[in-house]
N, C-alpha and C. Protein backbone atom coordinates (compact mmCIF):
# COMPACT_ATOMS: atom_id res chain seq x y z
N UNK A 1 216.99 226.19 67.67
CA UNK A 1 218.33 225.68 67.83
C UNK A 1 218.95 226.46 69.10
N UNK A 2 218.68 227.89 69.02
CA UNK A 2 219.25 228.62 70.18
C UNK A 2 218.69 228.18 71.59
N UNK A 3 217.39 227.83 71.53
CA UNK A 3 216.72 227.35 72.76
C UNK A 3 217.42 226.08 73.24
N UNK A 4 217.74 225.14 72.32
CA UNK A 4 218.38 223.89 72.61
C UNK A 4 219.76 224.24 73.25
N UNK A 5 220.51 225.12 72.55
CA UNK A 5 221.81 225.49 73.03
C UNK A 5 221.78 225.95 74.42
N UNK A 6 220.85 226.87 74.71
CA UNK A 6 220.78 227.47 76.06
C UNK A 6 220.41 226.41 77.09
N UNK A 7 219.44 225.49 76.65
CA UNK A 7 219.15 224.40 77.69
C UNK A 7 220.31 223.47 77.88
N UNK A 8 221.05 223.21 76.82
CA UNK A 8 222.18 222.32 76.99
C UNK A 8 223.30 222.91 77.92
N UNK A 9 223.52 224.19 77.77
CA UNK A 9 224.47 224.88 78.59
C UNK A 9 224.07 224.97 80.13
N UNK A 10 222.75 224.97 80.26
CA UNK A 10 222.13 225.08 81.58
C UNK A 10 222.00 223.72 82.22
N UNK A 11 222.14 222.67 81.39
CA UNK A 11 222.01 221.24 81.87
C UNK A 11 220.50 220.93 82.26
N UNK A 12 219.59 221.67 81.72
CA UNK A 12 218.21 221.45 82.02
C UNK A 12 217.45 220.56 80.91
N UNK A 13 216.50 219.77 81.45
CA UNK A 13 215.63 219.03 80.54
C UNK A 13 214.22 219.36 80.78
N UNK A 14 213.47 219.78 79.64
CA UNK A 14 212.04 220.03 79.77
C UNK A 14 211.26 218.71 79.74
N UNK A 15 210.15 218.75 80.24
CA UNK A 15 209.31 217.56 80.42
C UNK A 15 208.85 217.07 79.08
N UNK A 16 208.85 217.78 78.04
CA UNK A 16 208.49 217.28 76.71
C UNK A 16 209.72 217.03 75.84
N UNK A 17 210.92 217.23 76.36
CA UNK A 17 212.15 216.88 75.55
C UNK A 17 212.10 215.43 75.23
N UNK A 18 212.56 214.99 74.04
CA UNK A 18 212.61 213.65 73.61
C UNK A 18 211.19 212.93 73.60
N UNK A 19 210.18 213.77 73.25
CA UNK A 19 208.74 213.26 73.17
C UNK A 19 208.26 213.48 71.73
N UNK A 20 207.26 212.79 71.32
CA UNK A 20 206.55 213.05 70.06
C UNK A 20 205.42 213.92 70.37
N UNK A 21 205.01 214.83 69.48
CA UNK A 21 203.80 215.53 69.47
C UNK A 21 203.16 214.99 68.27
N UNK A 22 201.86 214.59 68.44
CA UNK A 22 201.06 213.98 67.40
C UNK A 22 199.86 214.83 67.25
N UNK A 23 199.69 215.35 65.94
CA UNK A 23 198.65 216.30 65.72
C UNK A 23 197.23 215.56 65.80
N UNK A 24 196.27 216.24 66.57
CA UNK A 24 194.94 215.76 66.69
C UNK A 24 194.13 215.95 65.38
N UNK A 25 193.04 215.24 65.20
CA UNK A 25 192.32 215.39 63.85
C UNK A 25 191.81 216.84 63.79
N UNK A 26 191.54 217.51 64.90
CA UNK A 26 191.07 218.97 64.82
C UNK A 26 192.05 219.94 64.69
N UNK A 27 193.37 219.66 64.35
CA UNK A 27 194.46 220.62 64.29
C UNK A 27 193.99 221.74 63.23
N UNK A 28 194.09 222.96 63.78
CA UNK A 28 193.53 224.13 63.02
C UNK A 28 194.56 224.57 61.99
N UNK A 29 195.87 224.31 62.24
CA UNK A 29 196.95 224.77 61.30
C UNK A 29 197.22 223.69 60.30
N UNK A 30 196.90 223.94 59.00
CA UNK A 30 197.04 222.94 57.97
C UNK A 30 198.45 222.44 57.82
N UNK A 31 199.42 223.25 58.14
CA UNK A 31 200.81 222.89 58.01
C UNK A 31 201.18 221.73 58.91
N UNK A 32 200.37 221.59 59.96
CA UNK A 32 200.64 220.47 60.93
C UNK A 32 199.66 219.31 60.86
N UNK A 33 198.77 219.30 59.91
CA UNK A 33 197.82 218.22 59.77
C UNK A 33 198.51 216.86 59.71
N UNK A 34 197.99 215.89 60.50
CA UNK A 34 198.60 214.61 60.60
C UNK A 34 200.15 214.58 60.76
N UNK A 35 200.66 215.50 61.39
CA UNK A 35 202.08 215.64 61.60
C UNK A 35 202.52 214.93 62.88
N UNK A 36 203.70 214.42 62.88
CA UNK A 36 204.43 213.89 64.10
C UNK A 36 205.66 214.80 64.22
N UNK A 37 205.83 215.38 65.43
CA UNK A 37 206.99 216.23 65.66
C UNK A 37 207.82 215.65 66.81
N UNK A 38 209.14 215.72 66.60
CA UNK A 38 210.05 215.23 67.60
C UNK A 38 210.45 216.54 68.38
N UNK A 39 210.23 216.59 69.69
CA UNK A 39 210.62 217.84 70.49
C UNK A 39 211.95 217.72 70.93
N UNK A 40 212.80 218.64 70.39
CA UNK A 40 214.20 218.77 70.65
C UNK A 40 214.50 219.58 71.97
N UNK A 41 213.71 220.57 72.20
CA UNK A 41 213.89 221.41 73.40
C UNK A 41 212.58 222.01 73.87
N UNK A 42 212.34 221.97 75.22
CA UNK A 42 211.16 222.54 75.82
C UNK A 42 211.52 223.15 77.14
N UNK A 43 211.17 224.30 77.32
CA UNK A 43 211.46 225.02 78.59
C UNK A 43 210.31 226.09 78.79
N UNK A 44 210.52 226.90 79.89
CA UNK A 44 209.61 228.00 80.11
C UNK A 44 209.78 229.00 79.00
N UNK A 45 210.88 229.02 78.25
CA UNK A 45 211.02 230.04 77.25
C UNK A 45 210.25 229.66 75.88
N UNK A 46 209.89 228.40 75.81
CA UNK A 46 209.25 227.87 74.62
C UNK A 46 209.69 226.43 74.19
N UNK A 47 209.47 226.14 72.94
CA UNK A 47 209.82 224.83 72.47
C UNK A 47 210.28 224.80 71.06
N UNK A 48 210.99 223.83 70.70
CA UNK A 48 211.54 223.64 69.33
C UNK A 48 211.52 222.13 68.96
N UNK A 49 211.05 221.89 67.77
CA UNK A 49 211.07 220.46 67.34
C UNK A 49 211.07 220.34 65.79
N UNK A 50 211.18 219.16 65.29
CA UNK A 50 211.25 218.87 63.91
C UNK A 50 210.06 217.89 63.44
N UNK A 51 209.34 218.28 62.38
CA UNK A 51 208.34 217.39 61.87
C UNK A 51 209.07 216.25 61.24
N UNK A 52 208.76 214.97 61.61
CA UNK A 52 209.51 213.89 61.11
C UNK A 52 208.73 213.01 60.04
N UNK A 53 207.51 213.43 59.64
CA UNK A 53 206.77 212.62 58.74
C UNK A 53 206.28 213.37 57.49
N UNK A 54 207.04 214.37 57.09
CA UNK A 54 206.70 215.15 55.84
C UNK A 54 208.01 215.20 55.06
N UNK A 55 207.94 214.55 53.87
CA UNK A 55 209.15 214.58 53.03
C UNK A 55 209.21 215.78 52.10
N UNK A 56 210.35 216.29 51.89
CA UNK A 56 210.67 217.37 50.97
C UNK A 56 210.78 216.85 49.51
N UNK A 57 210.52 217.65 48.53
CA UNK A 57 210.73 217.22 47.21
C UNK A 57 212.27 217.17 46.85
N UNK A 58 213.05 217.93 47.51
CA UNK A 58 214.47 217.89 47.25
C UNK A 58 215.05 216.59 47.81
N UNK A 59 215.95 216.00 46.98
CA UNK A 59 216.57 214.80 47.38
C UNK A 59 217.94 215.10 47.98
N UNK A 60 218.50 214.21 48.79
CA UNK A 60 219.82 214.41 49.53
C UNK A 60 220.81 214.62 48.54
N UNK A 61 221.10 213.80 47.42
CA UNK A 61 222.10 214.15 46.48
C UNK A 61 222.05 215.49 45.80
N UNK A 62 220.79 215.93 45.61
CA UNK A 62 220.66 217.29 45.05
C UNK A 62 221.12 218.43 46.09
N UNK A 63 220.81 218.06 47.25
CA UNK A 63 221.14 219.05 48.37
C UNK A 63 222.68 219.16 48.49
N UNK A 64 223.41 218.07 48.54
CA UNK A 64 224.84 218.07 48.78
C UNK A 64 225.52 218.71 47.55
N UNK A 65 224.93 218.56 46.35
CA UNK A 65 225.57 219.21 45.23
C UNK A 65 225.28 220.73 45.30
N UNK A 66 224.07 221.10 45.78
CA UNK A 66 223.71 222.45 45.87
C UNK A 66 224.64 223.26 46.99
N UNK A 67 225.02 222.41 48.02
CA UNK A 67 225.89 222.99 49.06
C UNK A 67 227.32 222.95 48.78
N UNK A 68 227.71 222.41 47.57
CA UNK A 68 229.08 222.34 47.21
C UNK A 68 229.87 221.22 47.82
N UNK A 69 229.19 220.26 48.55
CA UNK A 69 229.88 219.23 49.22
C UNK A 69 230.40 218.17 48.19
N UNK A 70 229.71 217.95 47.13
CA UNK A 70 230.07 217.14 46.01
C UNK A 70 229.77 217.75 44.68
N UNK A 71 230.46 217.29 43.67
CA UNK A 71 230.05 217.75 42.38
C UNK A 71 229.05 216.81 41.73
N UNK A 72 228.27 217.35 40.81
CA UNK A 72 227.13 216.49 40.31
C UNK A 72 227.64 215.12 39.64
N UNK A 73 228.73 215.11 39.13
CA UNK A 73 229.31 213.83 38.54
C UNK A 73 229.77 212.82 39.64
N UNK A 74 229.96 213.35 40.80
CA UNK A 74 230.45 212.49 41.88
C UNK A 74 229.34 211.79 42.61
N UNK A 75 228.15 212.26 42.48
CA UNK A 75 227.01 211.71 43.27
C UNK A 75 226.85 210.20 43.07
N UNK A 76 227.26 209.62 41.93
CA UNK A 76 227.14 208.22 41.71
C UNK A 76 227.91 207.45 42.72
N UNK A 77 228.94 208.09 43.34
CA UNK A 77 229.80 207.44 44.30
C UNK A 77 229.19 207.35 45.69
N UNK A 78 228.06 208.02 45.91
CA UNK A 78 227.41 208.05 47.19
C UNK A 78 227.03 206.62 47.64
N UNK A 79 227.20 206.32 48.95
CA UNK A 79 226.66 205.07 49.49
C UNK A 79 225.16 205.02 49.30
N UNK A 80 224.75 203.73 49.23
CA UNK A 80 223.21 203.55 49.08
C UNK A 80 222.45 204.30 50.15
N UNK A 81 222.93 204.21 51.34
CA UNK A 81 222.14 204.88 52.44
C UNK A 81 222.04 206.45 52.29
N UNK A 82 223.07 207.01 51.68
CA UNK A 82 223.13 208.46 51.51
C UNK A 82 222.23 208.76 50.29
N UNK A 83 222.31 207.87 49.14
CA UNK A 83 221.44 208.16 48.02
C UNK A 83 219.94 208.12 48.35
N UNK A 84 219.58 207.29 49.31
CA UNK A 84 218.15 207.11 49.65
C UNK A 84 217.79 207.99 50.86
N UNK A 85 218.66 208.79 51.32
CA UNK A 85 218.47 209.57 52.57
C UNK A 85 217.27 210.60 52.21
N UNK A 86 216.21 210.58 53.03
CA UNK A 86 215.02 211.39 52.71
C UNK A 86 215.25 212.78 53.48
N UNK A 87 215.13 213.85 52.68
CA UNK A 87 215.13 215.20 53.30
C UNK A 87 213.74 215.51 53.74
N UNK A 88 213.58 215.85 54.99
CA UNK A 88 212.17 216.05 55.47
C UNK A 88 211.89 217.55 55.65
N UNK A 89 210.60 217.87 55.66
CA UNK A 89 210.12 219.27 55.95
C UNK A 89 209.98 219.32 57.47
N UNK A 90 211.02 219.99 58.03
CA UNK A 90 211.13 220.02 59.50
C UNK A 90 210.05 220.98 60.21
N UNK A 91 209.59 221.89 59.41
CA UNK A 91 208.60 222.91 59.96
C UNK A 91 208.65 224.24 59.24
N UNK A 92 207.74 225.11 59.57
CA UNK A 92 207.59 226.39 58.79
C UNK A 92 208.63 227.44 59.16
N UNK A 93 209.43 227.29 60.20
CA UNK A 93 210.38 228.28 60.54
C UNK A 93 211.78 228.05 59.90
N UNK A 94 212.41 229.03 59.33
CA UNK A 94 213.78 228.99 58.85
C UNK A 94 213.89 227.84 57.89
N UNK A 95 213.11 227.79 56.80
CA UNK A 95 213.02 226.66 55.92
C UNK A 95 214.32 226.42 55.12
N UNK A 96 215.23 227.40 55.03
CA UNK A 96 216.46 227.19 54.30
C UNK A 96 217.57 226.56 55.20
N UNK A 97 217.24 226.46 56.49
CA UNK A 97 218.30 225.91 57.50
C UNK A 97 218.04 224.41 57.63
N UNK A 98 219.17 223.72 57.65
CA UNK A 98 219.17 222.30 57.74
C UNK A 98 219.48 221.75 59.11
N UNK A 99 218.87 220.74 59.56
CA UNK A 99 219.12 220.09 60.84
C UNK A 99 219.23 218.59 60.64
N UNK A 100 220.15 218.00 61.35
CA UNK A 100 220.27 216.49 61.35
C UNK A 100 220.19 215.94 62.78
N UNK A 101 219.12 215.12 62.99
CA UNK A 101 218.86 214.52 64.16
C UNK A 101 219.43 213.20 64.05
N UNK A 102 220.26 212.80 65.06
CA UNK A 102 221.05 211.54 64.86
C UNK A 102 221.44 210.81 66.17
N UNK A 103 221.78 209.59 65.98
CA UNK A 103 222.26 208.76 67.18
C UNK A 103 223.55 209.32 67.69
N UNK A 104 223.88 209.17 69.01
CA UNK A 104 225.07 209.74 69.59
C UNK A 104 226.33 209.04 69.26
N UNK A 105 226.43 208.13 68.37
CA UNK A 105 227.62 207.42 67.99
C UNK A 105 228.41 208.34 67.14
N UNK A 106 227.91 209.44 66.62
CA UNK A 106 228.69 210.44 65.87
C UNK A 106 228.49 211.75 66.55
N UNK A 107 229.61 212.55 66.77
CA UNK A 107 229.38 213.89 67.24
C UNK A 107 230.52 214.75 66.74
N UNK A 108 230.26 215.98 66.43
CA UNK A 108 231.22 217.00 66.20
C UNK A 108 231.11 218.13 67.24
N UNK A 109 231.91 219.04 67.24
CA UNK A 109 231.91 220.12 68.30
C UNK A 109 230.60 220.78 68.39
N UNK A 110 229.93 220.96 67.29
CA UNK A 110 228.63 221.74 67.20
C UNK A 110 227.40 220.80 67.52
N UNK A 111 227.66 219.54 67.79
CA UNK A 111 226.47 218.64 68.12
C UNK A 111 225.95 218.91 69.52
N UNK A 112 224.62 219.00 69.60
CA UNK A 112 223.99 219.26 70.85
C UNK A 112 223.18 218.03 71.26
N UNK A 113 223.36 217.62 72.57
CA UNK A 113 222.58 216.45 73.03
C UNK A 113 221.16 216.86 73.26
N UNK A 114 220.28 216.01 72.77
CA UNK A 114 218.75 216.04 73.01
C UNK A 114 218.39 215.19 74.09
N UNK A 115 218.90 214.00 74.08
CA UNK A 115 218.66 212.89 75.06
C UNK A 115 219.94 212.14 75.29
N UNK A 116 219.88 211.09 76.06
CA UNK A 116 221.10 210.31 76.23
C UNK A 116 221.57 209.58 74.95
N UNK A 117 220.65 209.33 74.06
CA UNK A 117 220.99 208.67 72.81
C UNK A 117 220.89 209.42 71.56
N UNK A 118 220.41 210.69 71.67
CA UNK A 118 220.11 211.44 70.32
C UNK A 118 220.74 212.83 70.50
N UNK A 119 221.33 213.24 69.34
CA UNK A 119 221.92 214.64 69.25
C UNK A 119 221.37 215.35 68.02
N UNK A 120 221.53 216.66 68.06
CA UNK A 120 221.08 217.48 66.88
C UNK A 120 222.38 218.24 66.43
N UNK A 121 222.63 218.18 65.14
CA UNK A 121 223.80 218.91 64.53
C UNK A 121 223.14 219.65 63.33
N UNK A 122 223.71 220.92 63.21
CA UNK A 122 223.23 221.81 62.17
C UNK A 122 224.35 222.35 61.36
N UNK A 123 225.51 221.63 61.24
CA UNK A 123 226.55 222.03 60.42
C UNK A 123 226.88 221.08 59.35
N UNK A 124 227.52 221.55 58.27
CA UNK A 124 227.75 220.67 57.06
C UNK A 124 228.64 219.54 57.36
N UNK A 125 229.44 219.52 58.52
CA UNK A 125 230.39 218.45 58.72
C UNK A 125 229.61 217.10 58.69
N UNK A 126 228.47 217.05 59.25
CA UNK A 126 227.68 215.82 59.37
C UNK A 126 227.21 215.37 58.02
N UNK A 127 226.87 216.30 57.12
CA UNK A 127 226.45 215.94 55.80
C UNK A 127 227.62 215.34 54.95
N UNK A 128 228.80 215.87 55.16
CA UNK A 128 230.03 215.36 54.50
C UNK A 128 230.19 213.88 55.02
N UNK A 129 230.02 213.70 56.30
CA UNK A 129 230.24 212.32 56.89
C UNK A 129 229.22 211.35 56.30
N UNK A 130 228.02 211.79 56.26
CA UNK A 130 226.93 210.93 55.70
C UNK A 130 227.22 210.61 54.30
N UNK A 131 227.60 211.59 53.49
CA UNK A 131 227.83 211.37 52.06
C UNK A 131 229.00 210.45 51.77
N UNK A 132 229.83 210.19 52.77
CA UNK A 132 230.97 209.21 52.57
C UNK A 132 230.79 207.95 53.37
N UNK A 133 229.63 207.82 53.98
CA UNK A 133 229.39 206.64 54.72
C UNK A 133 230.05 206.62 56.12
N UNK A 134 230.47 207.76 56.61
CA UNK A 134 231.19 207.78 57.96
C UNK A 134 230.25 208.38 58.93
N UNK A 135 228.96 208.66 58.69
CA UNK A 135 228.08 209.37 59.52
C UNK A 135 227.56 208.47 60.69
N UNK A 136 226.51 209.02 61.42
CA UNK A 136 225.93 208.27 62.50
C UNK A 136 225.17 207.02 61.93
N UNK A 137 225.02 206.06 62.86
CA UNK A 137 224.28 204.83 62.46
C UNK A 137 222.81 205.12 62.17
N UNK A 138 222.19 206.04 62.81
CA UNK A 138 220.79 206.48 62.56
C UNK A 138 220.83 208.02 62.41
N UNK A 139 220.02 208.49 61.46
CA UNK A 139 219.90 209.96 61.22
C UNK A 139 218.74 210.24 60.40
N UNK A 140 218.28 211.52 60.52
CA UNK A 140 217.27 212.11 59.74
C UNK A 140 217.58 213.52 59.48
N UNK A 141 217.35 214.00 58.38
CA UNK A 141 217.58 215.41 58.00
C UNK A 141 216.30 216.19 57.73
N UNK A 142 216.27 217.36 58.23
CA UNK A 142 215.13 218.25 57.95
C UNK A 142 215.53 219.66 57.56
N UNK A 143 214.73 220.28 56.71
CA UNK A 143 214.88 221.71 56.47
C UNK A 143 213.75 222.44 57.21
N UNK A 144 214.22 223.47 57.97
CA UNK A 144 213.23 224.21 58.79
C UNK A 144 212.88 223.43 60.10
N UNK A 145 212.14 224.13 61.00
CA UNK A 145 211.79 223.55 62.20
C UNK A 145 210.45 224.15 62.80
N UNK A 146 209.92 223.54 63.72
CA UNK A 146 208.63 224.05 64.33
C UNK A 146 209.08 224.74 65.67
N UNK A 147 208.55 225.90 65.93
CA UNK A 147 208.91 226.64 67.19
C UNK A 147 207.70 227.22 67.85
N UNK A 148 207.71 227.31 69.18
CA UNK A 148 206.66 227.87 69.95
C UNK A 148 207.25 228.86 70.98
N UNK A 149 206.54 229.93 71.32
CA UNK A 149 206.95 230.92 72.27
C UNK A 149 206.57 230.35 73.60
N UNK A 150 206.91 231.15 74.68
CA UNK A 150 206.69 230.72 76.02
C UNK A 150 205.24 230.43 76.31
N UNK A 151 204.91 229.27 76.74
CA UNK A 151 203.55 228.86 77.11
C UNK A 151 202.65 228.41 75.90
N UNK A 152 203.15 228.62 74.69
CA UNK A 152 202.35 228.45 73.50
C UNK A 152 201.94 227.01 73.29
N UNK A 153 203.10 226.14 73.36
CA UNK A 153 202.75 224.68 73.13
C UNK A 153 201.90 224.19 74.28
N UNK A 154 202.09 224.58 75.46
CA UNK A 154 201.28 224.09 76.56
C UNK A 154 199.72 224.40 76.33
N UNK A 155 199.62 225.65 75.84
CA UNK A 155 198.17 226.08 75.52
C UNK A 155 197.56 225.10 74.44
N UNK A 156 198.34 224.84 73.46
CA UNK A 156 197.90 224.09 72.30
C UNK A 156 197.59 222.68 72.74
N UNK A 157 198.35 222.12 73.67
CA UNK A 157 198.06 220.79 74.27
C UNK A 157 196.79 220.78 75.03
N UNK A 158 196.63 221.81 75.84
CA UNK A 158 195.47 221.93 76.67
C UNK A 158 194.24 222.02 75.82
N UNK A 159 194.35 222.73 74.75
CA UNK A 159 193.14 222.87 73.82
C UNK A 159 193.01 221.65 72.87
N UNK A 160 193.66 220.58 73.26
CA UNK A 160 193.48 219.32 72.48
C UNK A 160 193.99 219.39 71.12
N UNK A 161 195.04 220.22 70.86
CA UNK A 161 195.69 220.24 69.49
C UNK A 161 196.62 219.20 69.33
N UNK A 162 197.29 218.69 70.44
CA UNK A 162 198.38 217.65 70.25
C UNK A 162 198.21 216.59 71.33
N UNK A 163 198.50 215.38 70.90
CA UNK A 163 198.80 214.24 71.75
C UNK A 163 200.26 214.08 71.98
N UNK A 164 200.69 213.66 73.29
CA UNK A 164 202.10 213.52 73.45
C UNK A 164 202.42 212.17 73.96
N UNK A 165 203.57 211.68 73.58
CA UNK A 165 204.08 210.43 74.14
C UNK A 165 205.62 210.36 74.07
N UNK A 166 206.29 209.58 74.94
CA UNK A 166 207.75 209.46 74.86
C UNK A 166 208.15 209.01 73.51
N UNK A 167 209.15 209.50 72.93
CA UNK A 167 209.64 209.18 71.59
C UNK A 167 210.28 207.76 71.65
N UNK A 168 210.04 207.06 70.59
CA UNK A 168 210.64 205.75 70.35
C UNK A 168 211.73 205.83 69.25
N UNK A 169 212.98 205.42 69.57
CA UNK A 169 214.06 205.58 68.63
C UNK A 169 213.81 204.94 67.22
N UNK A 170 213.31 203.73 67.36
CA UNK A 170 212.95 202.98 66.10
C UNK A 170 211.90 203.74 65.20
N UNK A 171 210.80 204.23 65.81
CA UNK A 171 209.84 204.97 65.12
C UNK A 171 210.38 206.30 64.56
N UNK A 172 211.41 206.91 65.35
CA UNK A 172 211.88 208.15 64.97
C UNK A 172 212.73 208.08 63.79
N UNK A 173 213.62 207.04 63.66
CA UNK A 173 214.54 207.07 62.46
C UNK A 173 214.09 206.13 61.35
N UNK A 174 213.08 205.33 61.48
CA UNK A 174 212.71 204.46 60.36
C UNK A 174 212.27 205.29 59.13
N UNK A 175 212.44 204.74 57.92
CA UNK A 175 212.14 205.47 56.73
C UNK A 175 210.73 205.36 56.19
N UNK A 176 209.83 204.76 56.95
CA UNK A 176 208.49 204.64 56.57
C UNK A 176 207.73 205.92 56.93
N UNK A 177 207.92 206.96 56.15
CA UNK A 177 207.41 208.28 56.51
C UNK A 177 205.84 208.24 56.36
N UNK A 178 205.34 207.77 55.27
CA UNK A 178 203.91 207.77 54.92
C UNK A 178 203.03 207.23 56.03
N UNK A 179 203.46 206.10 56.62
CA UNK A 179 202.58 205.44 57.61
C UNK A 179 203.01 205.80 59.11
N UNK A 180 203.97 206.70 59.29
CA UNK A 180 204.46 206.97 60.66
C UNK A 180 203.47 207.43 61.55
N UNK A 181 202.58 208.29 61.14
CA UNK A 181 201.58 208.88 61.95
C UNK A 181 200.67 207.79 62.54
N UNK A 182 200.08 207.00 61.61
CA UNK A 182 199.21 205.84 62.07
C UNK A 182 199.94 204.87 62.89
N UNK A 183 201.14 204.59 62.58
CA UNK A 183 201.95 203.53 63.27
C UNK A 183 202.24 204.00 64.77
N UNK A 184 202.65 205.30 64.87
CA UNK A 184 202.92 205.73 66.22
C UNK A 184 201.63 205.78 67.06
N UNK A 185 200.48 206.17 66.51
CA UNK A 185 199.28 206.13 67.26
C UNK A 185 198.93 204.68 67.66
N UNK A 186 199.11 203.78 66.73
CA UNK A 186 198.81 202.40 67.02
C UNK A 186 199.76 201.82 68.05
N UNK A 187 201.01 202.24 68.12
CA UNK A 187 201.98 201.73 69.07
C UNK A 187 201.69 202.17 70.49
N UNK A 188 200.92 203.29 70.63
CA UNK A 188 200.54 203.63 71.96
C UNK A 188 199.10 203.29 72.28
N UNK A 189 198.48 202.54 71.32
CA UNK A 189 197.09 201.98 71.68
C UNK A 189 196.01 203.06 71.45
N UNK A 190 196.24 203.94 70.51
CA UNK A 190 195.23 205.01 70.26
C UNK A 190 194.55 204.74 68.97
N UNK A 191 193.24 204.69 69.07
CA UNK A 191 192.33 204.53 67.91
C UNK A 191 191.98 205.84 67.31
N UNK A 192 192.32 206.08 66.10
CA UNK A 192 192.10 207.31 65.45
C UNK A 192 190.67 207.89 65.51
N UNK A 193 189.73 206.93 65.50
CA UNK A 193 188.34 207.29 65.56
C UNK A 193 188.00 207.93 66.89
N UNK A 194 188.78 207.63 67.93
CA UNK A 194 188.48 208.22 69.30
C UNK A 194 189.39 209.43 69.62
N UNK A 195 190.21 209.83 68.67
CA UNK A 195 191.19 210.86 69.04
C UNK A 195 190.53 212.29 69.35
N UNK A 196 189.51 212.60 68.65
CA UNK A 196 188.85 213.93 68.84
C UNK A 196 188.41 214.16 70.21
N UNK A 197 188.12 213.09 71.01
CA UNK A 197 187.73 213.24 72.44
C UNK A 197 188.79 212.80 73.36
N UNK A 198 189.93 212.56 72.92
CA UNK A 198 191.02 212.17 73.74
C UNK A 198 191.65 213.39 74.49
N UNK A 199 192.28 213.04 75.65
CA UNK A 199 193.00 214.13 76.31
C UNK A 199 194.29 214.35 75.68
N UNK A 200 195.02 215.39 76.01
CA UNK A 200 196.24 215.83 75.35
C UNK A 200 197.46 215.02 75.78
N UNK A 201 197.36 213.86 76.30
CA UNK A 201 198.55 213.06 76.59
C UNK A 201 198.16 211.58 76.59
N UNK A 202 199.19 210.77 76.45
CA UNK A 202 198.88 209.32 76.50
C UNK A 202 199.57 208.72 77.71
């Protein structure tokens, strides 16, 4: 998040910003097996992104009760979109911290632009808005994030750990989490059987 804030204030865009990282079959880190990560910030200092295809056990209604946004008996008044809002496992770093990736039709002072259409907000204002149906048109929420130090992600890509492609907004926000990995690969014409010998980019 701090990396994204610094990049935003500098007005810089990294070449992997607003891209998907797709784990290759030989991924050595089990936490990222078959994962798709949306890259929020990438620069010489490192990279930060959110895993978008791993669901948490915690449900959104439980989360907003835990945060004190609503009382348990009020949850029944949640709009259907909020009741069914999936909380995702964003990555192994700072697992107690929440991030909402969303379309830019909703912004608060703390919202940080990732691309021309997508922002990242990490304050409870947006959770209150979603719980009352006043939030962004498209959103996903994650607890935790994935982070890399300077040069680390580039090394992993060079070692054939990740495939990269520009992010597709429809694929990013759709709720079909279980099939997202295969669907994104299919959308860029990649056959899973050939992935182990593919280069690190599409």
